């Protein structure tokens, strides 16, 4: 419950870090659901609130994925973008 900050009226609200964390998590969910514009909007809002909280969410997200968990289609596209730039020298 360390995410709650007391207000003068006796109620409580989420700290900026907790708000940023929730927005970043929602952004990642939107991204996974195929809604990149909404994901970007949420992640930008989170970044404005607390960049460190967003970085922590992203580290946790990446840590939960296997290093080879990239989509093969994206990996193939990356290879196509890199390999054409390699020009063979004279034989």
N, C-alpha and C. Protein backbone atom coordinates (compact mmCIF):
# COMPACT_ATOMS: atom_id res chain seq x y z
N UNK A 1 0.81 -1.19 0.00
CA UNK A 1 0.00 0.00 0.00
C UNK A 1 0.85 1.25 0.00
N UNK A 2 2.16 1.13 -0.23
CA UNK A 2 3.04 2.28 -0.28
C UNK A 2 2.77 3.16 -1.49
N UNK A 3 1.91 2.71 -2.40
CA UNK A 3 1.58 3.49 -3.58
C UNK A 3 0.55 4.58 -3.30
N UNK A 4 -0.11 4.50 -2.14
CA UNK A 4 -1.15 5.47 -1.81
C UNK A 4 -0.57 6.62 -1.02
N UNK A 5 -0.95 7.84 -1.40
CA UNK A 5 -0.53 9.04 -0.69
C UNK A 5 -1.78 9.67 -0.07
N UNK A 6 -1.72 10.06 1.20
CA UNK A 6 -2.89 10.68 1.82
C UNK A 6 -3.16 12.06 1.24
N UNK A 7 -4.42 12.41 1.18
CA UNK A 7 -4.85 13.75 0.77
C UNK A 7 -5.29 14.51 2.00
N UNK A 8 -5.42 15.78 1.85
CA UNK A 8 -5.87 16.61 2.96
C UNK A 8 -7.29 16.30 3.39
N UNK A 9 -8.10 15.73 2.52
CA UNK A 9 -9.50 15.45 2.85
C UNK A 9 -9.68 14.06 3.47
N UNK A 10 -8.56 13.38 3.77
CA UNK A 10 -8.65 12.07 4.41
C UNK A 10 -8.66 10.92 3.43
N UNK A 11 -8.85 11.20 2.14
CA UNK A 11 -8.82 10.13 1.14
C UNK A 11 -7.37 9.92 0.69
N UNK A 12 -7.17 9.00 -0.20
CA UNK A 12 -5.83 8.71 -0.69
C UNK A 12 -5.85 8.64 -2.21
N UNK A 13 -4.69 8.88 -2.81
CA UNK A 13 -4.57 8.74 -4.26
C UNK A 13 -3.24 8.05 -4.56
N UNK A 14 -3.14 7.52 -5.77
CA UNK A 14 -1.93 6.83 -6.17
C UNK A 14 -0.78 7.81 -6.36
N UNK A 15 0.41 7.40 -5.97
CA UNK A 15 1.59 8.21 -6.22
C UNK A 15 1.82 8.28 -7.73
N UNK A 16 2.65 9.25 -8.15
CA UNK A 16 2.96 9.37 -9.57
C UNK A 16 3.61 8.10 -10.09
N UNK A 17 4.48 7.50 -9.30
CA UNK A 17 5.15 6.27 -9.73
C UNK A 17 4.13 5.15 -9.95
N UNK A 18 3.17 5.02 -9.05
CA UNK A 18 2.16 3.98 -9.19
C UNK A 18 1.25 4.24 -10.39
N UNK A 19 0.91 5.51 -10.60
CA UNK A 19 0.09 5.86 -11.77
C UNK A 19 0.85 5.55 -13.05
N UNK A 20 2.13 5.91 -13.09
CA UNK A 20 2.95 5.65 -14.28
C UNK A 20 3.06 4.15 -14.53
N UNK A 21 3.24 3.40 -13.46
CA UNK A 21 3.35 1.95 -13.58
C UNK A 21 2.08 1.35 -14.18
N UNK A 22 0.94 1.77 -13.67
CA UNK A 22 -0.34 1.24 -14.19
C UNK A 22 -0.53 1.61 -15.66
N UNK A 23 -0.20 2.86 -16.01
CA UNK A 23 -0.34 3.28 -17.41
C UNK A 23 0.59 2.49 -18.31
N UNK A 24 1.83 2.27 -17.86
CA UNK A 24 2.79 1.52 -18.67
C UNK A 24 2.32 0.08 -18.85
N UNK A 25 1.81 -0.53 -17.80
CA UNK A 25 1.30 -1.90 -17.91
C UNK A 25 0.12 -1.96 -18.87
N UNK A 26 -0.77 -0.98 -18.78
CA UNK A 26 -1.90 -0.93 -19.73
C UNK A 26 -1.39 -0.74 -21.15
N UNK A 27 -0.36 0.10 -21.31
CA UNK A 27 0.22 0.32 -22.62
C UNK A 27 0.77 -0.96 -23.23
N UNK A 28 1.47 -1.74 -22.42
CA UNK A 28 2.01 -3.01 -22.91
C UNK A 28 0.88 -3.97 -23.28
N UNK A 29 -0.19 -3.95 -22.51
CA UNK A 29 -1.35 -4.80 -22.84
C UNK A 29 -1.99 -4.37 -24.15
N UNK A 30 -2.10 -3.06 -24.36
CA UNK A 30 -2.68 -2.57 -25.62
C UNK A 30 -1.79 -2.94 -26.80
N UNK A 31 -0.49 -2.85 -26.59
CA UNK A 31 0.46 -3.22 -27.63
C UNK A 31 0.30 -4.69 -27.99
N UNK A 32 0.19 -5.54 -27.00
CA UNK A 32 0.02 -6.97 -27.23
C UNK A 32 -1.32 -7.28 -27.89
N UNK A 33 -2.30 -6.40 -27.68
CA UNK A 33 -3.63 -6.60 -28.27
C UNK A 33 -3.73 -6.04 -29.68
N UNK A 34 -2.63 -5.48 -30.17
CA UNK A 34 -2.64 -4.95 -31.53
C UNK A 34 -3.17 -3.54 -31.66
N UNK A 35 -3.04 -2.76 -30.60
CA UNK A 35 -3.49 -1.36 -30.61
C UNK A 35 -2.29 -0.43 -30.37
N UNK A 36 -1.42 -0.28 -31.37
CA UNK A 36 -0.18 0.48 -31.16
C UNK A 36 -0.39 1.96 -30.84
N UNK A 37 -1.39 2.59 -31.40
CA UNK A 37 -1.62 4.01 -31.13
C UNK A 37 -2.01 4.24 -29.67
N UNK A 38 -2.90 3.41 -29.17
CA UNK A 38 -3.32 3.51 -27.77
C UNK A 38 -2.14 3.16 -26.85
N UNK A 39 -1.36 2.17 -27.23
CA UNK A 39 -0.19 1.79 -26.44
C UNK A 39 0.78 2.96 -26.35
N UNK A 40 1.05 3.61 -27.47
CA UNK A 40 1.95 4.77 -27.48
C UNK A 40 1.43 5.88 -26.60
N UNK A 41 0.13 6.14 -26.69
CA UNK A 41 -0.47 7.22 -25.89
C UNK A 41 -0.30 6.93 -24.39
N UNK A 42 -0.60 5.71 -23.99
CA UNK A 42 -0.50 5.35 -22.58
C UNK A 42 0.95 5.38 -22.09
N UNK A 43 1.86 4.87 -22.91
CA UNK A 43 3.26 4.86 -22.51
C UNK A 43 3.84 6.28 -22.43
N UNK A 44 3.40 7.17 -23.31
CA UNK A 44 3.84 8.55 -23.25
C UNK A 44 3.33 9.24 -21.98
N UNK A 45 2.08 8.98 -21.64
CA UNK A 45 1.52 9.53 -20.39
C UNK A 45 2.31 9.02 -19.19
N UNK A 46 2.60 7.74 -19.19
CA UNK A 46 3.35 7.14 -18.09
C UNK A 46 4.74 7.76 -18.00
N UNK A 47 5.38 7.92 -19.14
CA UNK A 47 6.73 8.50 -19.19
C UNK A 47 6.74 9.92 -18.63
N UNK A 48 5.70 10.68 -18.92
CA UNK A 48 5.60 12.04 -18.40
C UNK A 48 5.47 12.05 -16.88
N UNK A 49 4.79 11.07 -16.34
CA UNK A 49 4.60 11.00 -14.88
C UNK A 49 5.85 10.56 -14.14
N UNK A 50 6.46 9.45 -14.59
CA UNK A 50 7.63 8.92 -13.88
C UNK A 50 8.42 7.98 -14.79
N UNK A 51 9.45 8.50 -15.45
CA UNK A 51 10.24 7.68 -16.37
C UNK A 51 10.88 6.46 -15.71
N UNK A 52 11.27 6.59 -14.45
CA UNK A 52 11.89 5.46 -13.76
C UNK A 52 10.91 4.31 -13.55
N UNK A 53 9.67 4.63 -13.26
CA UNK A 53 8.65 3.59 -13.09
C UNK A 53 8.39 2.87 -14.41
N UNK A 54 8.38 3.63 -15.49
CA UNK A 54 8.18 3.03 -16.82
C UNK A 54 9.35 2.11 -17.15
N UNK A 55 10.56 2.56 -16.88
CA UNK A 55 11.74 1.74 -17.15
C UNK A 55 11.67 0.44 -16.37
N UNK A 56 11.22 0.50 -15.14
CA UNK A 56 11.11 -0.71 -14.31
C UNK A 56 10.08 -1.68 -14.90
N UNK A 57 8.95 -1.17 -15.34
CA UNK A 57 7.93 -2.02 -15.95
C UNK A 57 8.49 -2.69 -17.20
N UNK A 58 9.21 -1.93 -18.02
CA UNK A 58 9.78 -2.49 -19.24
C UNK A 58 10.86 -3.53 -18.93
N UNK A 59 11.67 -3.30 -17.90
CA UNK A 59 12.67 -4.30 -17.50
C UNK A 59 11.98 -5.59 -17.05
N UNK A 60 10.93 -5.44 -16.25
CA UNK A 60 10.20 -6.62 -15.78
C UNK A 60 9.57 -7.37 -16.96
N UNK A 61 9.03 -6.62 -17.89
CA UNK A 61 8.40 -7.22 -19.07
C UNK A 61 9.44 -8.00 -19.88
N UNK A 62 10.59 -7.39 -20.12
CA UNK A 62 11.64 -8.05 -20.89
C UNK A 62 12.21 -9.25 -20.15
N UNK A 63 12.31 -9.16 -18.84
CA UNK A 63 12.86 -10.27 -18.05
C UNK A 63 11.95 -11.49 -18.10
N UNK A 64 10.67 -11.26 -18.34
CA UNK A 64 9.71 -12.37 -18.39
C UNK A 64 9.68 -13.07 -19.73
N UNK A 65 10.46 -12.61 -20.67
CA UNK A 65 10.47 -13.21 -22.01
C UNK A 65 11.80 -13.91 -22.26
N UNK A 66 11.72 -15.01 -22.93
CA UNK A 66 12.94 -15.72 -23.30
C UNK A 66 13.68 -14.89 -24.35
N UNK A 67 15.01 -14.94 -24.36
CA UNK A 67 15.78 -14.15 -25.32
C UNK A 67 15.42 -14.44 -26.77
N UNK A 68 14.97 -15.65 -27.06
CA UNK A 68 14.62 -16.00 -28.43
C UNK A 68 13.12 -15.93 -28.68
N UNK A 69 12.41 -15.15 -27.87
CA UNK A 69 10.96 -15.10 -27.98
C UNK A 69 10.47 -14.12 -29.05
N UNK A 70 11.38 -13.53 -29.81
CA UNK A 70 10.97 -12.61 -30.87
C UNK A 70 10.16 -13.36 -31.93
N UNK A 71 9.30 -12.65 -32.55
CA UNK A 71 8.56 -13.25 -33.65
C UNK A 71 9.50 -13.51 -34.81
N UNK A 72 9.42 -14.66 -35.39
CA UNK A 72 10.32 -15.01 -36.48
C UNK A 72 10.17 -14.04 -37.64
N UNK A 73 8.96 -13.59 -37.92
CA UNK A 73 8.73 -12.66 -39.02
C UNK A 73 9.53 -11.38 -38.82
N UNK A 74 9.55 -10.86 -37.59
CA UNK A 74 10.31 -9.65 -37.31
C UNK A 74 11.81 -9.90 -37.44
N UNK A 75 12.27 -11.06 -36.98
CA UNK A 75 13.68 -11.39 -37.09
C UNK A 75 14.09 -11.48 -38.56
N UNK A 76 13.25 -12.10 -39.38
CA UNK A 76 13.54 -12.21 -40.80
C UNK A 76 13.59 -10.84 -41.46
N UNK A 77 12.67 -9.97 -41.09
CA UNK A 77 12.65 -8.62 -41.65
C UNK A 77 13.93 -7.88 -41.27
N UNK A 78 14.36 -8.02 -40.03
CA UNK A 78 15.58 -7.35 -39.58
C UNK A 78 16.78 -7.85 -40.37
N UNK A 79 16.84 -9.14 -40.62
CA UNK A 79 17.95 -9.69 -41.39
C UNK A 79 17.94 -9.13 -42.80
N UNK A 80 16.78 -9.04 -43.42
CA UNK A 80 16.69 -8.49 -44.77
C UNK A 80 17.14 -7.04 -44.80
N UNK A 81 16.88 -6.29 -43.73
CA UNK A 81 17.29 -4.88 -43.69
C UNK A 81 18.79 -4.74 -43.51
N UNK A 82 19.42 -5.68 -42.86
CA UNK A 82 20.86 -5.58 -42.57
C UNK A 82 21.69 -6.17 -43.70
N UNK A 83 21.33 -7.34 -44.17
CA UNK A 83 22.17 -8.04 -45.14
C UNK A 83 22.36 -7.29 -46.46
N UNK A 84 21.38 -6.62 -47.02
CA UNK A 84 21.63 -5.93 -48.30
C UNK A 84 22.72 -4.86 -48.20
N UNK A 85 22.98 -4.36 -47.00
CA UNK A 85 24.01 -3.33 -46.85
C UNK A 85 25.41 -3.91 -46.90
N UNK A 86 25.56 -5.21 -46.77
CA UNK A 86 26.87 -5.85 -46.82
C UNK A 86 27.21 -6.07 -48.27
N UNK A 87 28.26 -5.40 -48.72
CA UNK A 87 28.65 -5.53 -50.13
C UNK A 87 29.95 -6.33 -50.21
N UNK A 88 29.96 -7.37 -51.02
CA UNK A 88 31.19 -8.16 -51.13
C UNK A 88 32.30 -7.32 -51.78
N UNK A 89 33.51 -7.51 -51.28
CA UNK A 89 34.67 -6.82 -51.83
C UNK A 89 35.21 -7.57 -53.04
N UNK A 90 36.25 -7.03 -53.62
CA UNK A 90 36.84 -7.73 -54.79
C UNK A 90 37.39 -9.09 -54.39
N UNK A 91 37.20 -10.05 -55.24
CA UNK A 91 37.62 -11.42 -54.94
C UNK A 91 39.10 -11.64 -55.09
